[in-house]
């Protein structure tokens, strides 16, 4: 298995979790939100984006129950892991990550 696949597969899986259509009546899994959002947040610096913090707060408010105690540590771990992974990304991987991060950020109002 190539090194690129080992790196890209977790990114694609995390993106799928965040982008999967959610039933408005069903709550999102806080762990999945933390993992996907952590990677999108890590992409902010990696991709040269600037996010609107109030939009991120609104996203968390809407998607994460107030009782989800592990959300913050899961988010922190996801950001750390993404930053480590992104440091090893090649140009094509970076292009894919940044394209998706921009689309996700735009769709959720993180970028103006």
C-alpha atoms as a PDB file:
ATOM      1  CA  UNK A   1       0.000   0.000   0.000  1.00  0.00           C
ATOM      2  CA  UNK A   2       1.431   3.385  -0.943  1.00  0.00           C
ATOM      3  CA  UNK A   3       2.211   6.030   1.659  1.00  0.00           C
ATOM      4  CA  UNK A   4      -0.141   8.465  -0.103  1.00  0.00           C
ATOM      5  CA  UNK A   5      -3.110   6.146   0.377  1.00  0.00           C
ATOM      6  CA  UNK A   6      -2.336   5.767   4.080  1.00  0.00           C
ATOM      7  CA  UNK A   7      -2.420   9.550   4.441  1.00  0.00           C
ATOM      8  CA  UNK A   8      -5.366  10.356   2.175  1.00  0.00           C
ATOM      9  CA  UNK A   9      -7.722   7.606   3.381  1.00  0.00           C
ATOM     10  CA  UNK A  10      -8.241   9.079   6.894  1.00  0.00           C
ATOM     11  CA  UNK A  11      -8.784  12.536   5.385  1.00  0.00           C
ATOM     12  CA  UNK A  12     -11.422  11.226   3.008  1.00  0.00           C
ATOM     13  CA  UNK A  13     -13.139   9.226   5.739  1.00  0.00           C
ATOM     14  CA  UNK A  14     -13.251  12.251   8.049  1.00  0.00           C
ATOM     15  CA  UNK A  15     -14.611  14.409   5.231  1.00  0.00           C
ATOM     16  CA  UNK A  16     -17.302  11.840   4.473  1.00  0.00           C
ATOM     17  CA  UNK A  17     -18.457  11.938   8.082  1.00  0.00           C
ATOM     18  CA  UNK A  18     -18.733  15.710   8.085  1.00  0.00           C
ATOM     19  CA  UNK A  19     -20.398  15.945   4.685  1.00  0.00           C
ATOM     20  CA  UNK A  20     -22.853  13.069   5.037  1.00  0.00           C
ATOM     21  CA  UNK A  21     -26.392  14.428   4.943  1.00  0.00           C
ATOM     22  CA  UNK A  22     -27.799  14.425   8.420  1.00  0.00           C
ATOM     23  CA  UNK A  23     -31.420  13.928   9.324  1.00  0.00           C
ATOM     24  CA  UNK A  24     -32.387  17.273  10.906  1.00  0.00           C
ATOM     25  CA  UNK A  25     -34.232  15.422  13.652  1.00  0.00           C
ATOM     26  CA  UNK A  26     -31.221  13.223  14.489  1.00  0.00           C
ATOM     27  CA  UNK A  27     -28.294  14.541  16.513  1.00  0.00           C
ATOM     28  CA  UNK A  28     -24.833  14.364  14.990  1.00  0.00           C
ATOM     29  CA  UNK A  29     -22.282  12.076  16.641  1.00  0.00           C
ATOM     30  CA  UNK A  30     -20.010  14.463  18.611  1.00  0.00           C
ATOM     31  CA  UNK A  31     -16.963  12.266  17.926  1.00  0.00           C
ATOM     32  CA  UNK A  32     -17.536  12.394  14.177  1.00  0.00           C
ATOM     33  CA  UNK A  33     -18.103  16.145  14.299  1.00  0.00           C
ATOM     34  CA  UNK A  34     -14.922  16.624  16.359  1.00  0.00           C
ATOM     35  CA  UNK A  35     -12.836  14.553  13.959  1.00  0.00           C
ATOM     36  CA  UNK A  36     -14.119  16.216  10.797  1.00  0.00           C
ATOM     37  CA  UNK A  37     -14.199  19.736  12.202  1.00  0.00           C
ATOM     38  CA  UNK A  38     -10.705  19.305  13.645  1.00  0.00           C
ATOM     39  CA  UNK A  39      -9.309  18.548  10.208  1.00  0.00           C
ATOM     40  CA  UNK A  40     -11.183  21.483   8.655  1.00  0.00           C
ATOM     41  CA  UNK A  41      -9.860  23.801  11.384  1.00  0.00           C
ATOM     42  CA  UNK A  42      -6.319  22.504  10.849  1.00  0.00           C
ATOM     43  CA  UNK A  43      -6.729  23.217   7.141  1.00  0.00           C
ATOM     44  CA  UNK A  44      -7.338  26.899   7.874  1.00  0.00           C
ATOM     45  CA  UNK A  45      -3.630  27.643   8.330  1.00  0.00           C
ATOM     46  CA  UNK A  46      -2.426  24.887   5.987  1.00  0.00           C
ATOM     47  CA  UNK A  47      -4.523  26.292   3.130  1.00  0.00           C
ATOM     48  CA  UNK A  48      -4.149  29.991   3.917  1.00  0.00           C
ATOM     49  CA  UNK A  49      -7.820  30.441   4.767  1.00  0.00           C
ATOM     50  CA  UNK A  50      -9.378  32.709   7.390  1.00  0.00           C
ATOM     51  CA  UNK A  51     -12.487  31.460   9.139  1.00  0.00           C
ATOM     52  CA  UNK A  52     -15.224  33.421  10.872  1.00  0.00           C
ATOM     53  CA  UNK A  53     -15.095  32.306  14.496  1.00  0.00           C
ATOM     54  CA  UNK A  54     -18.745  33.108  15.111  1.00  0.00           C
ATOM     55  CA  UNK A  55     -19.706  30.758  12.253  1.00  0.00           C
ATOM     56  CA  UNK A  56     -17.636  27.972  13.825  1.00  0.00           C
ATOM     57  CA  UNK A  57     -19.306  28.639  17.174  1.00  0.00           C
ATOM     58  CA  UNK A  58     -22.735  28.447  15.526  1.00  0.00           C
ATOM     59  CA  UNK A  59     -21.759  25.182  13.792  1.00  0.00           C
ATOM     60  CA  UNK A  60     -20.671  23.642  17.118  1.00  0.00           C
ATOM     61  CA  UNK A  61     -23.765  24.978  18.871  1.00  0.00           C
ATOM     62  CA  UNK A  62     -25.995  23.355  16.259  1.00  0.00           C
ATOM     63  CA  UNK A  63     -24.140  20.045  15.872  1.00  0.00           C
ATOM     64  CA  UNK A  64     -22.713  19.194  19.310  1.00  0.00           C
ATOM     65  CA  UNK A  65     -24.857  18.521  22.378  1.00  0.00           C
ATOM     66  CA  UNK A  66     -23.906  20.531  25.464  1.00  0.00           C
ATOM     67  CA  UNK A  67     -23.488  17.239  27.337  1.00  0.00           C
ATOM     68  CA  UNK A  68     -20.758  15.903  24.989  1.00  0.00           C
ATOM     69  CA  UNK A  69     -17.864  16.011  27.470  1.00  0.00           C
ATOM     70  CA  UNK A  70     -15.295  14.454  25.136  1.00  0.00           C
ATOM     71  CA  UNK A  71     -15.860  16.845  22.239  1.00  0.00           C
ATOM     72  CA  UNK A  72     -13.107  19.295  23.168  1.00  0.00           C
ATOM     73  CA  UNK A  73     -10.415  16.657  23.674  1.00  0.00           C
ATOM     74  CA  UNK A  74     -11.494  14.806  20.505  1.00  0.00           C
ATOM     75  CA  UNK A  75     -11.376  18.091  18.560  1.00  0.00           C
ATOM     76  CA  UNK A  76      -7.944  18.940  19.960  1.00  0.00           C
ATOM     77  CA  UNK A  77      -6.600  15.490  19.085  1.00  0.00           C
ATOM     78  CA  UNK A  78      -8.019  15.718  15.573  1.00  0.00           C
ATOM     79  CA  UNK A  79      -6.439  19.138  14.993  1.00  0.00           C
ATOM     80  CA  UNK A  80      -3.069  17.888  16.265  1.00  0.00           C
ATOM     81  CA  UNK A  81      -3.189  14.754  14.092  1.00  0.00           C
ATOM     82  CA  UNK A  82      -4.233  16.737  11.014  1.00  0.00           C
ATOM     83  CA  UNK A  83      -1.409  19.248  11.488  1.00  0.00           C
ATOM     84  CA  UNK A  84       1.055  16.361  11.695  1.00  0.00           C
ATOM     85  CA  UNK A  85      -0.441  14.696   8.607  1.00  0.00           C
ATOM     86  CA  UNK A  86      -0.598  17.942   6.628  1.00  0.00           C
ATOM     87  CA  UNK A  87       3.110  18.580   7.268  1.00  0.00           C
ATOM     88  CA  UNK A  88       3.849  15.500   5.150  1.00  0.00           C
ATOM     89  CA  UNK A  89       1.359  16.246   2.376  1.00  0.00           C
ATOM     90  CA  UNK A  90       2.550  16.494  -1.190  1.00  0.00           C
ATOM     91  CA  UNK A  91       1.277  19.134  -3.619  1.00  0.00           C
ATOM     92  CA  UNK A  92      -1.573  17.032  -5.021  1.00  0.00           C
ATOM     93  CA  UNK A  93      -2.738  16.006  -1.574  1.00  0.00           C
ATOM     94  CA  UNK A  94      -2.606  19.627  -0.444  1.00  0.00           C
ATOM     95  CA  UNK A  95      -4.663  20.670  -3.475  1.00  0.00           C
ATOM     96  CA  UNK A  96      -7.352  18.101  -2.625  1.00  0.00           C
ATOM     97  CA  UNK A  97      -7.418  18.963   1.076  1.00  0.00           C
ATOM     98  CA  UNK A  98      -7.597  22.700   0.429  1.00  0.00           C
ATOM     99  CA  UNK A  99     -10.237  22.411  -2.272  1.00  0.00           C
ATOM    100  CA  UNK A 100     -12.487  20.473   0.040  1.00  0.00           C
ATOM    101  CA  UNK A 101     -11.729  22.640   3.093  1.00  0.00           C
ATOM    102  CA  UNK A 102     -12.686  25.763   1.102  1.00  0.00           C
ATOM    103  CA  UNK A 103     -15.922  24.156  -0.114  1.00  0.00           C
ATOM    104  CA  UNK A 104     -16.862  22.938   3.350  1.00  0.00           C
ATOM    105  CA  UNK A 105     -15.978  26.291   4.939  1.00  0.00           C
ATOM    106  CA  UNK A 106     -18.025  28.167   2.352  1.00  0.00           C
ATOM    107  CA  UNK A 107     -21.003  25.819   2.693  1.00  0.00           C
ATOM    108  CA  UNK A 108     -21.098  26.385   6.459  1.00  0.00           C
ATOM    109  CA  UNK A 109     -20.380  30.112   6.394  1.00  0.00           C
ATOM    110  CA  UNK A 110     -16.858  29.816   7.851  1.00  0.00           C
ATOM    111  CA  UNK A 111     -15.476  32.010   5.066  1.00  0.00           C
ATOM    112  CA  UNK A 112     -17.007  35.181   3.735  1.00  0.00           C
END
